[in-house]
Protein backbone atom coordinates (compact mmCIF):
# COMPACT_ATOMS: atom_id res chain seq x y z
CA MET A 1 6.83 -19.64 25.16
CA LYS A 2 6.31 -19.31 21.36
CA ILE A 3 8.73 -20.07 18.94
CA LYS A 4 8.60 -19.01 15.19
CA VAL A 5 10.48 -20.98 12.98
CA LEU A 6 12.25 -18.94 10.50
CA GLY A 7 14.26 -22.09 9.13
CA CYS A 8 15.18 -25.79 10.37
CA SER A 9 16.88 -27.54 7.59
CA GLY A 10 20.28 -28.84 7.49
CA ALA A 11 20.73 -27.49 4.13
CA GLU A 12 19.25 -24.73 1.69
CA LEU A 13 17.03 -25.75 -1.14
CA PRO A 14 13.72 -24.00 -2.06
CA GLY A 15 11.35 -24.47 0.80
CA PHE A 16 14.14 -25.17 3.29
CA GLY A 17 15.50 -22.41 5.35
CA LEU A 18 18.82 -22.79 7.68
CA PRO A 19 18.37 -22.96 11.48
CA SER A 20 16.78 -19.88 13.02
CA PHE A 21 14.20 -19.76 15.53
CA LEU A 22 12.48 -16.47 17.03
CA LEU A 23 11.57 -16.96 20.79
CA ASP A 24 8.57 -14.55 22.00
CA ASP A 25 9.18 -12.17 18.77
CA SER A 26 12.48 -10.84 20.96
CA ILE A 27 15.23 -13.28 21.08
CA LEU A 28 16.74 -14.97 17.71
CA ILE A 29 18.35 -18.50 18.45
CA ASP A 30 20.74 -19.12 15.64
CA ALA A 31 20.21 -16.95 12.70
CA GLY A 32 20.98 -19.04 9.47
CA THR A 33 17.42 -17.34 8.27
CA THR A 34 16.65 -14.09 9.14
CA THR A 35 15.92 -11.06 6.80
CA ALA A 36 14.32 -13.15 4.16
CA ALA A 37 11.99 -14.53 6.61
CA ILE A 38 10.35 -11.59 8.77
CA GLY A 39 9.75 -8.11 7.79
CA GLU A 40 11.38 -5.01 9.15
CA GLY A 41 8.85 -4.43 11.62
CA ALA A 42 9.57 -7.86 13.15
CA GLN A 43 13.37 -7.50 12.80
CA LYS A 44 13.22 -4.32 14.89
CA LYS A 45 11.76 -6.09 17.94
CA ILE A 46 14.75 -8.35 18.23
CA GLY A 47 17.24 -7.27 20.97
CA HIS A 48 19.41 -10.68 21.40
CA ILE A 49 20.71 -13.11 18.80
CA ILE A 50 22.05 -16.27 20.69
CA ILE A 51 24.46 -18.43 18.78
CA THR A 52 25.12 -22.09 19.57
CA HIS A 53 28.48 -22.23 17.03
CA SER A 54 30.27 -20.64 14.40
CA HIS A 55 29.34 -22.71 11.15
CA PHE A 56 27.91 -20.45 8.26
CA ASP A 57 24.55 -22.07 8.43
CA HIS A 58 23.81 -20.95 11.84
CA ILE A 59 25.31 -17.36 11.56
CA ARG A 60 24.58 -16.27 7.87
CA GLY A 61 21.69 -14.11 8.79
CA ILE A 62 23.63 -11.87 11.25
CA PRO A 63 25.39 -9.27 8.68
CA THR A 64 22.10 -8.94 6.83
CA LEU A 65 20.23 -8.05 9.73
CA ALA A 66 22.65 -5.68 11.33
CA ASP A 67 22.78 -3.67 8.14
CA ASN A 68 19.03 -3.20 8.17
CA MET A 69 19.27 -1.89 11.44
CA PHE A 70 22.13 0.26 10.75
CA LEU A 71 19.79 1.74 7.81
CA ARG A 72 16.64 1.87 9.38
CA ASP A 73 17.15 2.34 13.28
CA PRO A 74 20.85 3.60 13.60
CA GLY A 75 20.09 3.91 17.42
CA HIS A 76 19.09 0.44 17.93
CA SER A 77 21.47 -2.36 18.96
CA ILE A 78 20.98 -6.29 18.88
CA THR A 79 23.39 -8.07 21.49
CA LEU A 80 25.03 -11.02 19.91
CA VAL A 81 25.29 -13.90 22.51
CA GLY A 82 27.89 -16.70 22.46
CA THR A 83 30.75 -17.81 23.96
CA LYS A 84 34.07 -16.25 23.61
CA ALA A 85 35.34 -18.79 20.95
CA VAL A 86 32.21 -18.57 18.83
CA LEU A 87 32.29 -14.78 19.08
CA GLN A 88 36.01 -14.32 18.14
CA VAL A 89 35.27 -16.73 15.11
CA ILE A 90 32.40 -14.05 14.18
CA ARG A 91 34.43 -11.11 14.47
CA LYS A 92 37.33 -12.18 12.88
CA ASN A 93 36.09 -13.83 9.84
CA LEU A 94 32.39 -12.63 9.47
CA LEU A 95 32.40 -8.90 10.50
CA ASN A 96 36.13 -8.17 9.69
CA ASN A 97 35.47 -5.09 6.97
CA ILE A 98 36.54 -7.30 4.38
CA VAL A 99 33.60 -9.79 4.13
CA TRP A 100 31.10 -7.40 5.74
CA PRO A 101 31.42 -4.09 7.86
CA ASP A 102 32.18 -4.41 11.51
CA PHE A 103 28.99 -3.39 12.90
CA THR A 104 30.10 -3.65 16.43
CA ARG A 105 31.49 -0.56 15.61
CA LYS A 106 28.92 1.10 13.32
CA PRO A 107 27.21 3.33 13.42
CA ASN A 108 29.73 4.46 16.34
CA LEU A 109 31.30 2.88 19.37
CA LYS A 110 28.62 3.91 22.09
CA LYS A 111 25.54 2.81 19.72
CA PRO A 112 26.57 0.22 17.37
CA ALA A 113 24.38 -2.14 15.47
CA LEU A 114 25.76 -5.27 17.22
CA LYS A 115 26.77 -5.60 20.94
CA LEU A 116 28.56 -8.65 21.74
CA LYS A 117 27.92 -10.74 25.17
CA VAL A 118 30.22 -13.34 25.91
CA ILE A 119 29.06 -15.98 28.21
CA LYS A 120 30.41 -19.21 29.54
CA THR A 121 29.14 -22.67 29.71
CA GLY A 122 27.48 -23.91 32.76
CA LYS A 123 27.01 -20.41 34.21
CA PRO A 124 23.40 -18.93 33.98
CA PHE A 125 22.82 -15.55 32.68
CA ARG A 126 19.78 -13.36 32.07
CA ILE A 127 18.12 -12.05 29.17
CA LEU A 128 15.17 -9.69 29.77
CA ASP A 129 13.04 -12.52 31.61
CA TYR A 130 14.94 -15.70 30.83
CA ARG A 131 17.13 -17.59 32.86
CA ILE A 132 19.59 -19.09 30.33
CA THR A 133 22.45 -21.38 30.82
CA ALA A 134 24.67 -22.40 27.83
CA GLU A 135 26.28 -26.08 28.06
CA ARG A 136 28.88 -27.45 25.81
CA THR A 137 27.84 -29.89 23.00
CA ASP A 138 30.15 -32.02 20.79
CA HIS A 139 30.38 -30.76 17.44
CA THR A 140 33.51 -29.96 14.81
CA VAL A 141 33.84 -26.95 16.23
CA PRO A 142 33.49 -25.00 19.88
CA ALA A 143 29.57 -25.12 20.12
CA ALA A 144 26.64 -24.95 23.04
CA GLY A 145 23.35 -25.85 23.44
CA TYR A 146 21.21 -23.72 25.90
CA ILE A 147 18.42 -24.12 28.48
CA ILE A 148 15.94 -21.16 28.49
CA GLU A 149 13.53 -20.90 31.44
CA ASN A 150 10.90 -18.11 31.29
CA SER A 151 9.18 -16.27 34.43
CA LYS A 152 6.53 -18.86 34.47
CA GLY A 153 8.99 -21.65 35.09
CA LYS A 154 8.50 -23.17 31.29
CA LYS A 155 11.87 -24.76 29.89
CA LEU A 156 13.31 -25.08 26.48
CA LEU A 157 16.22 -27.01 25.50
CA TYR A 158 18.12 -26.36 22.18
CA THR A 159 20.76 -28.75 21.24
CA GLY A 160 22.15 -26.82 18.34
CA ASP A 161 24.50 -28.74 16.11
CA THR A 162 25.93 -31.86 18.20
CA GLY A 163 26.86 -35.66 17.65
CA PRO A 164 26.51 -37.92 20.78
CA THR A 165 27.12 -35.89 23.76
CA ASP A 166 26.51 -35.90 27.83
CA ARG A 167 26.79 -32.15 29.47
CA ILE A 168 23.68 -30.65 27.86
CA TRP A 169 21.60 -33.69 29.13
CA LYS A 170 22.97 -33.66 32.60
CA ARG A 171 22.50 -29.80 32.54
CA ALA A 172 18.77 -30.15 31.46
CA ASP A 173 18.38 -32.63 34.32
CA MET A 174 19.78 -30.40 36.83
CA ARG A 175 17.31 -27.48 35.79
CA SER A 176 14.20 -29.80 35.45
CA GLY A 177 14.74 -31.59 38.92
CA LYS A 178 12.38 -34.41 38.96
CA THR A 179 10.16 -33.25 36.20
CA ALA A 180 10.97 -33.36 32.38
CA ILE A 181 11.86 -30.35 29.93
CA ASP A 182 8.73 -28.86 28.48
CA GLY A 183 10.25 -28.45 25.45
CA ALA A 184 13.22 -29.90 23.26
CA ILE A 185 14.64 -28.73 19.96
CA ILE A 186 16.97 -31.34 19.11
CA GLU A 187 18.90 -31.92 15.88
CA VAL A 188 18.75 -35.00 13.65
CA THR A 189 20.79 -34.69 10.43
CA PHE A 190 21.28 -37.78 8.83
CA PRO A 191 19.13 -41.45 8.20
CA ASN A 192 20.50 -44.45 10.31
CA ARG A 193 22.67 -45.79 7.41
CA MET A 194 24.83 -42.77 7.50
CA LYS A 195 25.94 -43.33 11.44
CA ALA A 196 29.56 -42.88 10.55
CA ALA A 197 29.22 -39.88 8.72
CA ALA A 198 26.92 -38.44 11.70
CA GLU A 199 29.35 -39.34 14.32
CA ARG A 200 32.36 -37.90 12.28
CA THR A 201 30.82 -34.60 11.58
CA GLY A 202 29.19 -34.35 15.01
CA HIS A 203 25.57 -34.99 14.38
CA LEU A 204 22.58 -37.38 15.21
CA THR A 205 20.54 -40.25 13.27
CA PRO A 206 17.37 -41.21 14.69
CA ALA A 207 18.91 -44.20 16.18
CA LEU A 208 21.55 -42.09 18.06
CA LEU A 209 18.70 -39.63 18.82
CA LEU A 210 16.87 -42.51 20.73
CA SER A 211 20.38 -43.39 22.38
CA GLU A 212 20.78 -39.78 23.59
CA LEU A 213 17.46 -39.30 25.10
CA LYS A 214 17.73 -42.00 27.03
CA LYS A 215 20.57 -40.28 28.77
CA LEU A 216 17.71 -37.76 30.23
CA ARG A 217 15.75 -38.58 33.61
CA ASN A 218 12.61 -37.91 31.63
CA PHE A 219 11.85 -37.53 28.03
CA PRO A 220 10.96 -33.76 27.13
CA LYS A 221 7.19 -32.94 27.14
CA LYS A 222 7.50 -31.90 23.71
CA LEU A 223 10.15 -33.00 21.31
CA TYR A 224 10.93 -30.95 18.15
CA ILE A 225 13.35 -32.15 15.46
CA THR A 226 15.41 -29.55 13.57
CA HIS A 227 18.35 -29.89 11.17
CA ILE A 228 17.31 -32.57 8.90
CA LYS A 229 19.21 -32.51 5.38
CA PRO A 230 16.25 -32.02 2.78
CA GLN A 231 17.99 -34.68 0.74
CA TYR A 232 16.93 -37.17 3.07
CA ILE A 233 13.64 -36.08 4.62
CA THR A 234 11.60 -38.84 3.65
CA THR A 235 14.08 -41.39 4.86
CA VAL A 236 14.85 -39.41 7.97
CA THR A 237 10.94 -38.94 8.76
CA LYS A 238 10.03 -42.75 8.41
CA GLU A 239 12.87 -43.57 11.01
CA LEU A 240 11.82 -40.95 13.59
CA GLN A 241 8.23 -42.56 13.25
CA LYS A 242 9.62 -45.94 13.96
CA LEU A 243 10.84 -44.83 17.18
CA LYS A 244 7.35 -44.20 18.43
CA ILE A 245 8.26 -41.53 20.59
CA LYS A 246 5.18 -39.68 22.08
CA ASN A 247 4.92 -35.83 21.16
CA LEU A 248 7.58 -35.91 18.58
CA LYS A 249 7.14 -33.37 15.79
CA ILE A 250 9.61 -32.63 12.77
CA LEU A 251 9.50 -28.72 12.89
CA GLU A 252 8.28 -26.90 9.77
CA LYS A 253 9.60 -23.45 8.37
CA ASP A 254 7.35 -20.54 8.90
CA ARG A 255 5.30 -22.42 11.63
CA THR A 256 4.68 -21.06 15.27
CA TYR A 257 4.85 -23.79 18.37
CA VAL A 258 3.81 -22.91 21.81
CA ILE A 259 5.41 -24.25 24.88
């Protein structure tokens, strides 16, 4: 698995992009940063966008990507994948012909720029050669993390935004059996001193991350941290280093990682 980081921050400042990960050039996982990060050639290779939840920093890039497809390649459709609750919010509040055109109906109903695929948590589904399972996480709006397995058996876990939770870890253990998940992208948003704010807003701190990882049968073979607020990047980085977790890396914008 090859993951290109288009954005991986919990807020946007120069040099810090909102969360979006391009998997093997064809699947976008969350869409906070899209068209400003990759050219039209790379955009045309995207066939699916998997969305964890409906917060703006994870869906902002959907309208501009749909618009580019509409203009440059009217016959190309991108499938937007998410739970019913998440897709309903996007249809009602974003692609509503008021904030932005409803590209689920343009240029026509047979070949719209965006198609919708509703998935249910706990029920595996397939995209290309990937077997994917969504599982509920704990945020301030309906949210789900994903476990993605390729044809070679490599497994990636992505939490999206979440505070302390249980189901995604149990699902990861079920999918990995006695072995560890190959790679996990897990959010850490705030420093330890902001534990109350993290729990109130459905996020993690470095200390909370360690507590969550202990819920797994095995630590992931590779652990990647995402969604740190740029305002706290120095403090959170130091606190993560103090955990002394092997193979932990803080994701960097515009870099590509291999699992």
